[in-house]
Amino acid sequence: MGKVERTMKSEIQRLAKREVKAVFSPLKREVWAMRLKLSGLSKSFASLNRQTKKLRLAEGKPKLEASPEEVKASRITPERIRNLRVKKGLSQRELGFLTGTTIGAVLSWEKGKFKPRGDKKAALVALRKVRKRDVKKMLAEKAEKVKPMKDRNRKAKGKRK
């Protein structure tokens, strides 16, 4: 009886392997094709990523510019100015520095005493579209430009005395 059981068992195993192979063979080919496609996609993604980085570098530094239509259509209220400033993580001094105004002007805007006009309003509209990280970069760049001017002024004052 042992031989019959062994023979049956081996025959069942052989047929099971054959069935499994018949099912998994097309799947194996499909997985291989998907891996090939994924490899191509990841290569194209890497190349697009490199191009994007090059464009960002070539694009230069972010600027606060807005089209006249955007400026005209925008409704800037004291609450929106304050919320924009808080959202970008800026102090009133830094916002004034970016827009080219004083702390008092920013304070007056936020209190509703005055409304920003002209290029100051355009700067606020453009600031909405700029990322927080870029705002910090712009502040750092402006600070670098201003610092040498202050040093020159101090040296000139020292020579006058």
N, C-alpha and C. Protein backbone atom coordinates (compact mmCIF):
# COMPACT_ATOMS: atom_id res chain seq x y z
N MET A 1 0.81 -1.19 0.00
CA MET A 1 0.00 0.00 0.00
C MET A 1 0.86 1.25 0.00
N GLY A 2 2.07 1.18 0.51
CA GLY A 2 2.96 2.32 0.60
C GLY A 2 3.31 2.88 -0.75
N LYS A 3 3.48 1.94 -1.75
CA LYS A 3 3.86 2.42 -3.08
C LYS A 3 2.73 3.20 -3.72
N VAL A 4 1.53 2.78 -3.56
CA VAL A 4 0.38 3.46 -4.17
C VAL A 4 0.23 4.86 -3.57
N GLU A 5 0.37 4.95 -2.25
CA GLU A 5 0.24 6.25 -1.59
C GLU A 5 1.33 7.19 -2.07
N ARG A 6 2.56 6.67 -2.12
CA ARG A 6 3.67 7.49 -2.57
C ARG A 6 3.48 7.92 -4.01
N THR A 7 3.03 7.04 -4.84
CA THR A 7 2.80 7.34 -6.25
C THR A 7 1.71 8.39 -6.39
N MET A 8 0.63 8.22 -5.65
CA MET A 8 -0.47 9.19 -5.72
C MET A 8 0.00 10.57 -5.24
N LYS A 9 0.76 10.55 -4.14
CA LYS A 9 1.24 11.80 -3.58
C LYS A 9 2.15 12.52 -4.56
N SER A 10 3.07 11.80 -5.16
CA SER A 10 3.99 12.41 -6.12
C SER A 10 3.24 12.90 -7.36
N GLU A 11 2.23 12.16 -7.80
CA GLU A 11 1.44 12.57 -8.96
C GLU A 11 0.64 13.84 -8.66
N ILE A 12 0.07 13.89 -7.47
CA ILE A 12 -0.67 15.10 -7.06
C ILE A 12 0.27 16.29 -6.99
N GLN A 13 1.45 16.10 -6.45
CA GLN A 13 2.43 17.19 -6.38
C GLN A 13 2.83 17.65 -7.77
N ARG A 14 3.07 16.71 -8.67
CA ARG A 14 3.46 17.05 -10.05
C ARG A 14 2.37 17.86 -10.73
N LEU A 15 1.13 17.41 -10.60
CA LEU A 15 0.00 18.12 -11.23
C LEU A 15 -0.21 19.50 -10.58
N ALA A 16 -0.03 19.57 -9.26
CA ALA A 16 -0.19 20.86 -8.57
C ALA A 16 0.88 21.84 -9.05
N LYS A 17 2.12 21.37 -9.17
CA LYS A 17 3.20 22.23 -9.66
C LYS A 17 2.90 22.72 -11.07
N ARG A 18 2.38 21.82 -11.87
CA ARG A 18 2.03 22.17 -13.26
C ARG A 18 0.95 23.25 -13.30
N GLU A 19 -0.07 23.11 -12.43
CA GLU A 19 -1.15 24.09 -12.38
C GLU A 19 -0.64 25.45 -11.87
N VAL A 20 0.17 25.38 -10.83
CA VAL A 20 0.74 26.61 -10.27
C VAL A 20 1.59 27.31 -11.32
N LYS A 21 2.39 26.54 -12.02
CA LYS A 21 3.25 27.11 -13.06
C LYS A 21 2.41 27.73 -14.17
N ALA A 22 1.31 27.08 -14.54
CA ALA A 22 0.43 27.61 -15.59
C ALA A 22 -0.20 28.94 -15.15
N VAL A 23 -0.50 29.06 -13.86
CA VAL A 23 -1.11 30.30 -13.36
C VAL A 23 -0.06 31.39 -13.18
N PHE A 24 1.09 31.03 -12.61
CA PHE A 24 2.08 32.04 -12.27
C PHE A 24 2.98 32.46 -13.42
N SER A 25 3.08 31.68 -14.45
CA SER A 25 3.94 32.04 -15.57
C SER A 25 3.50 33.35 -16.23
N PRO A 26 2.21 33.52 -16.57
CA PRO A 26 1.80 34.82 -17.13
C PRO A 26 1.97 35.96 -16.12
N LEU A 27 1.73 35.68 -14.84
CA LEU A 27 1.90 36.71 -13.82
C LEU A 27 3.36 37.14 -13.73
N LYS A 28 4.24 36.17 -13.85
CA LYS A 28 5.67 36.45 -13.79
C LYS A 28 6.08 37.39 -14.93
N ARG A 29 5.56 37.10 -16.12
CA ARG A 29 5.84 37.96 -17.27
C ARG A 29 5.27 39.36 -17.06
N GLU A 30 4.08 39.44 -16.48
CA GLU A 30 3.43 40.72 -16.23
C GLU A 30 4.22 41.54 -15.20
N VAL A 31 4.68 40.88 -14.16
CA VAL A 31 5.48 41.55 -13.14
C VAL A 31 6.78 42.07 -13.76
N TRP A 32 7.39 41.27 -14.58
CA TRP A 32 8.63 41.68 -15.26
C TRP A 32 8.38 42.92 -16.12
N ALA A 33 7.27 42.93 -16.87
CA ALA A 33 6.94 44.08 -17.70
C ALA A 33 6.67 45.32 -16.85
N MET A 34 6.00 45.14 -15.71
CA MET A 34 5.73 46.26 -14.82
C MET A 34 7.01 46.82 -14.22
N ARG A 35 7.93 45.93 -13.85
CA ARG A 35 9.21 46.39 -13.32
C ARG A 35 9.98 47.18 -14.36
N LEU A 36 9.94 46.73 -15.59
CA LEU A 36 10.60 47.42 -16.68
C LEU A 36 9.99 48.82 -16.87
N LYS A 37 8.68 48.88 -16.85
CA LYS A 37 7.98 50.15 -17.01
C LYS A 37 8.28 51.08 -15.83
N LEU A 38 8.29 50.54 -14.62
CA LEU A 38 8.61 51.32 -13.42
C LEU A 38 10.02 51.88 -13.50
N SER A 39 10.94 51.08 -13.98
CA SER A 39 12.32 51.54 -14.13
C SER A 39 12.39 52.72 -15.09
N GLY A 40 11.68 52.62 -16.20
CA GLY A 40 11.65 53.72 -17.17
C GLY A 40 11.02 54.97 -16.59
N LEU A 41 9.94 54.79 -15.84
CA LEU A 41 9.27 55.94 -15.23
C LEU A 41 10.15 56.62 -14.18
N SER A 42 10.84 55.81 -13.39
CA SER A 42 11.70 56.41 -12.36
C SER A 42 12.87 57.15 -13.00
N LYS A 43 13.38 56.65 -14.12
CA LYS A 43 14.45 57.36 -14.83
C LYS A 43 13.95 58.69 -15.39
N SER A 44 12.74 58.67 -15.97
CA SER A 44 12.21 59.92 -16.52
C SER A 44 11.87 60.89 -15.39
N PHE A 45 11.42 60.37 -14.26
CA PHE A 45 11.14 61.23 -13.11
C PHE A 45 12.42 61.89 -12.62
N ALA A 46 13.49 61.13 -12.56
CA ALA A 46 14.77 61.68 -12.11
C ALA A 46 15.25 62.77 -13.06
N SER A 47 15.07 62.56 -14.35
CA SER A 47 15.50 63.57 -15.31
C SER A 47 14.63 64.82 -15.19
N LEU A 48 13.32 64.65 -14.99
CA LEU A 48 12.44 65.80 -14.79
C LEU A 48 12.78 66.55 -13.51
N ASN A 49 13.14 65.81 -12.50
CA ASN A 49 13.52 66.42 -11.23
C ASN A 49 14.77 67.28 -11.41
N ARG A 50 15.76 66.77 -12.15
CA ARG A 50 16.98 67.54 -12.42
C ARG A 50 16.66 68.80 -13.20
N GLN A 51 15.79 68.67 -14.21
CA GLN A 51 15.42 69.83 -15.02
C GLN A 51 14.71 70.88 -14.17
N THR A 52 13.85 70.44 -13.26
CA THR A 52 13.15 71.37 -12.38
C THR A 52 14.13 72.13 -11.50
N LYS A 53 15.11 71.43 -10.95
CA LYS A 53 16.11 72.09 -10.12
C LYS A 53 16.89 73.11 -10.93
N LYS A 54 17.24 72.76 -12.17
CA LYS A 54 17.97 73.70 -13.03
C LYS A 54 17.11 74.93 -13.31
N LEU A 55 15.83 74.71 -13.58
CA LEU A 55 14.94 75.84 -13.85
C LEU A 55 14.80 76.75 -12.64
N ARG A 56 14.72 76.15 -11.46
CA ARG A 56 14.62 76.97 -10.24
C ARG A 56 15.86 77.81 -10.06
N LEU A 57 17.03 77.23 -10.34
CA LEU A 57 18.26 77.98 -10.21
C LEU A 57 18.33 79.08 -11.26
N ALA A 58 17.91 78.75 -12.49
CA ALA A 58 17.95 79.72 -13.57
C ALA A 58 16.89 80.80 -13.36
N GLU A 59 15.80 80.42 -12.72
CA GLU A 59 14.70 81.35 -12.48
C GLU A 59 15.16 82.50 -11.60
N GLY A 60 16.11 82.21 -10.75
CA GLY A 60 16.62 83.26 -9.89
C GLY A 60 15.87 83.33 -8.59
N LYS A 61 16.01 84.47 -7.99
CA LYS A 61 15.40 84.66 -6.69
C LYS A 61 13.94 85.04 -6.83
N PRO A 62 13.11 84.59 -5.90
CA PRO A 62 11.70 84.96 -5.97
C PRO A 62 11.52 86.46 -5.78
N LYS A 63 10.59 87.03 -6.52
CA LYS A 63 10.33 88.46 -6.46
C LYS A 63 8.89 88.69 -6.10
N LEU A 64 8.64 89.85 -5.53
CA LEU A 64 7.27 90.21 -5.18
C LEU A 64 6.69 91.06 -6.30
N GLU A 65 6.14 90.39 -7.29
CA GLU A 65 5.52 91.08 -8.42
C GLU A 65 4.16 90.47 -8.69
N ALA A 66 3.21 91.34 -9.02
CA ALA A 66 1.86 90.88 -9.35
C ALA A 66 1.38 91.68 -10.55
N SER A 67 0.53 91.07 -11.35
CA SER A 67 0.00 91.76 -12.52
C SER A 67 -0.98 92.84 -12.07
N PRO A 68 -1.14 93.88 -12.88
CA PRO A 68 -2.08 94.96 -12.52
C PRO A 68 -3.51 94.45 -12.35
N GLU A 69 -3.89 93.42 -13.12
CA GLU A 69 -5.25 92.88 -12.99
C GLU A 69 -5.44 92.23 -11.62
N GLU A 70 -4.41 91.48 -11.18
CA GLU A 70 -4.50 90.85 -9.87
C GLU A 70 -4.59 91.88 -8.76
N VAL A 71 -3.81 92.94 -8.90
CA VAL A 71 -3.80 93.98 -7.88
C VAL A 71 -5.15 94.68 -7.82
N LYS A 72 -5.69 94.97 -8.98
CA LYS A 72 -6.98 95.66 -9.04
C LYS A 72 -8.11 94.79 -8.49
N ALA A 73 -8.06 93.50 -8.78
CA ALA A 73 -9.12 92.58 -8.36
C ALA A 73 -9.00 92.19 -6.88
N SER A 74 -7.83 92.38 -6.29
CA SER A 74 -7.64 91.92 -4.91
C SER A 74 -8.34 92.85 -3.92
N ARG A 75 -8.85 92.23 -2.89
CA ARG A 75 -9.47 92.98 -1.80
C ARG A 75 -8.63 92.75 -0.55
N ILE A 76 -7.87 93.76 -0.22
CA ILE A 76 -6.98 93.62 0.92
C ILE A 76 -7.60 94.35 2.11
N THR A 77 -7.90 93.59 3.13
CA THR A 77 -8.46 94.15 4.36
C THR A 77 -7.42 94.06 5.46
N PRO A 78 -7.60 94.82 6.54
CA PRO A 78 -6.65 94.73 7.65
C PRO A 78 -6.49 93.30 8.19
N GLU A 79 -7.59 92.57 8.27
CA GLU A 79 -7.53 91.19 8.77
C GLU A 79 -6.71 90.32 7.83
N ARG A 80 -6.91 90.51 6.53
CA ARG A 80 -6.17 89.70 5.55
C ARG A 80 -4.68 90.01 5.59
N ILE A 81 -4.35 91.27 5.80
CA ILE A 81 -2.92 91.64 5.89
C ILE A 81 -2.30 90.95 7.10
N ARG A 82 -2.98 91.03 8.24
CA ARG A 82 -2.46 90.42 9.45
C ARG A 82 -2.37 88.90 9.29
N ASN A 83 -3.42 88.28 8.73
CA ASN A 83 -3.40 86.82 8.54
C ASN A 83 -2.29 86.40 7.58
N LEU A 84 -2.07 87.19 6.54
CA LEU A 84 -0.99 86.90 5.59
C LEU A 84 0.36 86.96 6.31
N ARG A 85 0.54 88.00 7.10
CA ARG A 85 1.79 88.18 7.83
C ARG A 85 2.03 87.02 8.78
N VAL A 86 1.00 86.63 9.51
CA VAL A 86 1.11 85.53 10.47
C VAL A 86 1.36 84.21 9.74
N LYS A 87 0.62 84.00 8.65
CA LYS A 87 0.76 82.75 7.89
C LYS A 87 2.18 82.58 7.33
N LYS A 88 2.79 83.68 6.91
CA LYS A 88 4.14 83.62 6.35
C LYS A 88 5.21 83.67 7.45
N GLY A 89 4.78 83.85 8.70
CA GLY A 89 5.71 83.85 9.81
C GLY A 89 6.55 85.11 9.88
N LEU A 90 5.95 86.25 9.55
CA LEU A 90 6.69 87.51 9.52
C LEU A 90 6.27 88.41 10.66
N SER A 91 7.22 89.22 11.10
CA SER A 91 6.88 90.27 12.05
C SER A 91 6.45 91.49 11.23
N GLN A 92 5.92 92.49 11.91
CA GLN A 92 5.53 93.71 11.19
C GLN A 92 6.76 94.37 10.57
N ARG A 93 7.87 94.31 11.29
CA ARG A 93 9.11 94.89 10.78
C ARG A 93 9.54 94.19 9.48
N GLU A 94 9.49 92.84 9.49
CA GLU A 94 9.91 92.07 8.31
C GLU A 94 8.97 92.32 7.13
N LEU A 95 7.66 92.41 7.40
CA LEU A 95 6.71 92.70 6.32
C LEU A 95 6.99 94.07 5.73
N GLY A 96 7.26 95.04 6.60
CA GLY A 96 7.62 96.38 6.12
C GLY A 96 8.90 96.35 5.31
N PHE A 97 9.86 95.56 5.75
CA PHE A 97 11.13 95.43 5.06
C PHE A 97 10.94 94.86 3.66
N LEU A 98 10.07 93.83 3.56
CA LEU A 98 9.82 93.19 2.26
C LEU A 98 9.06 94.12 1.31
N THR A 99 8.11 94.87 1.84
CA THR A 99 7.29 95.73 0.98
C THR A 99 7.89 97.10 0.78
N GLY A 100 8.94 97.41 1.54
CA GLY A 100 9.59 98.70 1.39
C GLY A 100 8.88 99.81 2.15
N THR A 101 8.29 99.46 3.27
CA THR A 101 7.60 100.46 4.10
C THR A 101 8.14 100.39 5.52
N THR A 102 7.57 101.22 6.37
CA THR A 102 7.98 101.26 7.76
C THR A 102 7.08 100.37 8.60
N ILE A 103 7.50 100.16 9.84
CA ILE A 103 6.67 99.38 10.76
C ILE A 103 5.36 100.11 11.02
N GLY A 104 5.43 101.43 11.08
CA GLY A 104 4.23 102.24 11.32
C GLY A 104 3.21 102.08 10.21
N ALA A 105 3.69 101.98 8.98
CA ALA A 105 2.77 101.80 7.85
C ALA A 105 2.06 100.45 7.94
N VAL A 106 2.82 99.42 8.27
CA VAL A 106 2.23 98.09 8.41
C VAL A 106 1.22 98.09 9.55
N LEU A 107 1.58 98.73 10.65
CA LEU A 107 0.67 98.83 11.79
C LEU A 107 -0.62 99.56 11.39
N SER A 108 -0.47 100.63 10.63
CA SER A 108 -1.65 101.39 10.17
C SER A 108 -2.52 100.56 9.24
N TRP A 109 -1.88 99.73 8.39
CA TRP A 109 -2.65 98.85 7.50
C TRP A 109 -3.45 97.85 8.33
N GLU A 110 -2.79 97.26 9.32
CA GLU A 110 -3.45 96.23 10.12
C GLU A 110 -4.54 96.80 11.01
N LYS A 111 -4.40 98.05 11.41
CA LYS A 111 -5.44 98.68 12.22
C LYS A 111 -6.58 99.23 11.36
N GLY A 112 -6.34 99.36 10.06
CA GLY A 112 -7.37 99.86 9.16
C GLY A 112 -7.36 101.37 8.99
N LYS A 113 -6.32 102.03 9.50
CA LYS A 113 -6.24 103.49 9.36
C LYS A 113 -5.93 103.89 7.92
N PHE A 114 -5.07 103.11 7.27
CA PHE A 114 -4.70 103.38 5.89
C PHE A 114 -4.75 102.08 5.10
N LYS A 115 -4.86 102.22 3.77
CA LYS A 115 -4.84 101.06 2.90
C LYS A 115 -3.56 101.12 2.07
N PRO A 116 -2.97 99.96 1.84
CA PRO A 116 -1.77 99.96 0.97
C PRO A 116 -2.17 100.29 -0.47
N ARG A 117 -1.35 101.07 -1.12
CA ARG A 117 -1.65 101.49 -2.49
C ARG A 117 -0.43 101.22 -3.38
N GLY A 118 -0.69 101.16 -4.65
CA GLY A 118 0.37 101.05 -5.65
C GLY A 118 1.24 99.83 -5.50
N ASP A 119 2.56 100.07 -5.50
CA ASP A 119 3.50 98.95 -5.47
C ASP A 119 3.47 98.21 -4.13
N LYS A 120 3.05 98.88 -3.08
CA LYS A 120 2.94 98.20 -1.77
C LYS A 120 1.80 97.19 -1.80
N LYS A 121 0.69 97.56 -2.41
CA LYS A 121 -0.43 96.64 -2.54
C LYS A 121 -0.04 95.47 -3.45
N ALA A 122 0.69 95.77 -4.53
CA ALA A 122 1.15 94.72 -5.44
C ALA A 122 2.07 93.75 -4.72
N ALA A 123 2.93 94.28 -3.84
CA ALA A 123 3.83 93.41 -3.08
C ALA A 123 3.04 92.49 -2.16
N LEU A 124 2.00 93.02 -1.52
CA LEU A 124 1.17 92.18 -0.64
C LEU A 124 0.43 91.10 -1.42
N VAL A 125 -0.08 91.46 -2.61
CA VAL A 125 -0.77 90.48 -3.45
C VAL A 125 0.20 89.39 -3.89
N ALA A 126 1.40 89.78 -4.26
CA ALA A 126 2.40 88.81 -4.71
C ALA A 126 2.88 87.94 -3.55
N LEU A 127 2.90 88.49 -2.36
CA LEU A 127 3.35 87.75 -1.18
C LEU A 127 2.44 86.56 -0.89
N ARG A 128 1.18 86.66 -1.30
CA ARG A 128 0.25 85.54 -1.10
C ARG A 128 0.72 84.29 -1.83
N LYS A 129 1.33 84.47 -3.01
CA LYS A 129 1.70 83.34 -3.86
C LYS A 129 3.06 82.75 -3.50
N VAL A 130 3.84 83.45 -2.69
CA VAL A 130 5.20 83.02 -2.38
C VAL A 130 5.17 82.07 -1.18
N ARG A 131 5.98 81.02 -1.25
CA ARG A 131 6.06 80.06 -0.15
C ARG A 131 6.82 80.66 1.02
N LYS A 132 6.55 80.14 2.18
CA LYS A 132 7.18 80.62 3.40
C LYS A 132 8.70 80.52 3.32
N ARG A 133 9.18 79.43 2.75
CA ARG A 133 10.62 79.22 2.60
C ARG A 133 11.24 80.30 1.72
N ASP A 134 10.54 80.67 0.63
CA ASP A 134 11.04 81.69 -0.27
C ASP A 134 11.02 83.07 0.39
N VAL A 135 10.03 83.31 1.23
CA VAL A 135 9.95 84.58 1.96
C VAL A 135 11.17 84.73 2.84
N LYS A 136 11.55 83.66 3.53
CA LYS A 136 12.73 83.71 4.40
C LYS A 136 13.99 83.96 3.58
N LYS A 137 14.07 83.35 2.39
CA LYS A 137 15.23 83.59 1.52
C LYS A 137 15.30 85.05 1.10
N MET A 138 14.14 85.60 0.72
CA MET A 138 14.10 87.00 0.29
C MET A 138 14.54 87.93 1.43
N LEU A 139 14.09 87.64 2.63
CA LEU A 139 14.50 88.45 3.79
C LEU A 139 16.01 88.38 3.99
N ALA A 140 16.54 87.17 3.89
CA ALA A 140 17.98 86.99 4.08
C ALA A 140 18.77 87.74 3.01
N GLU A 141 18.31 87.68 1.76
CA GLU A 141 19.00 88.37 0.67
C GLU A 141 18.94 89.88 0.85
N LYS A 142 17.77 90.38 1.23
CA LYS A 142 17.64 91.83 1.43
C LYS A 142 18.50 92.28 2.60
N ALA A 143 18.57 91.46 3.64
CA ALA A 143 19.39 91.81 4.80
C ALA A 143 20.87 91.86 4.41
N GLU A 144 21.29 90.95 3.55
CA GLU A 144 22.68 90.95 3.09
C GLU A 144 22.99 92.21 2.29
N LYS A 145 22.03 92.65 1.48
CA LYS A 145 22.24 93.86 0.67
C LYS A 145 22.29 95.10 1.55
N VAL A 146 21.45 95.14 2.56
CA VAL A 146 21.37 96.31 3.42
C VAL A 146 22.55 96.39 4.38
N LYS A 147 23.03 95.27 4.85
CA LYS A 147 24.10 95.24 5.84
C LYS A 147 25.37 95.94 5.35
N PRO A 148 25.85 95.65 4.12
CA PRO A 148 27.05 96.35 3.65
C PRO A 148 26.82 97.86 3.56
N MET A 149 25.61 98.30 3.22
CA MET A 149 25.33 99.72 3.13
C MET A 149 25.43 100.36 4.52
N LYS A 150 24.92 99.69 5.55
CA LYS A 150 24.99 100.21 6.91
C LYS A 150 26.44 100.30 7.36
N ASP A 151 27.23 99.28 7.02
CA ASP A 151 28.64 99.29 7.40
C ASP A 151 29.37 100.45 6.74
N ARG A 152 29.05 100.71 5.46
CA ARG A 152 29.67 101.83 4.76
C ARG A 152 29.28 103.15 5.41
N ASN A 153 28.02 103.27 5.79
CA ASN A 153 27.56 104.51 6.44
C ASN A 153 28.27 104.72 7.78
N ARG A 154 28.45 103.67 8.54
CA ARG A 154 29.13 103.78 9.83
C ARG A 154 30.58 104.19 9.65
N LYS A 155 31.23 103.62 8.63
CA LYS A 155 32.63 103.97 8.37
C LYS A 155 32.74 105.43 7.96
N ALA A 156 31.79 105.87 7.12
CA ALA A 156 31.81 107.26 6.66
C ALA A 156 31.57 108.21 7.83
N LYS A 157 30.67 107.86 8.75
CA LYS A 157 30.41 108.70 9.91
C LYS A 157 31.63 108.77 10.82
N GLY A 158 32.32 107.66 10.94
CA GLY A 158 33.52 107.62 11.78
C GLY A 158 34.62 108.51 11.24
N LYS A 159 34.73 108.62 9.93
CA LYS A 159 35.77 109.45 9.31
C LYS A 159 35.46 110.92 9.48
N ARG A 160 34.19 111.30 9.55
CA ARG A 160 33.80 112.71 9.66
C ARG A 160 34.21 113.30 11.01
N LYS A 161 34.19 112.48 12.02
CA LYS A 161 34.47 112.98 13.38
C LYS A 161 35.87 113.36 13.51
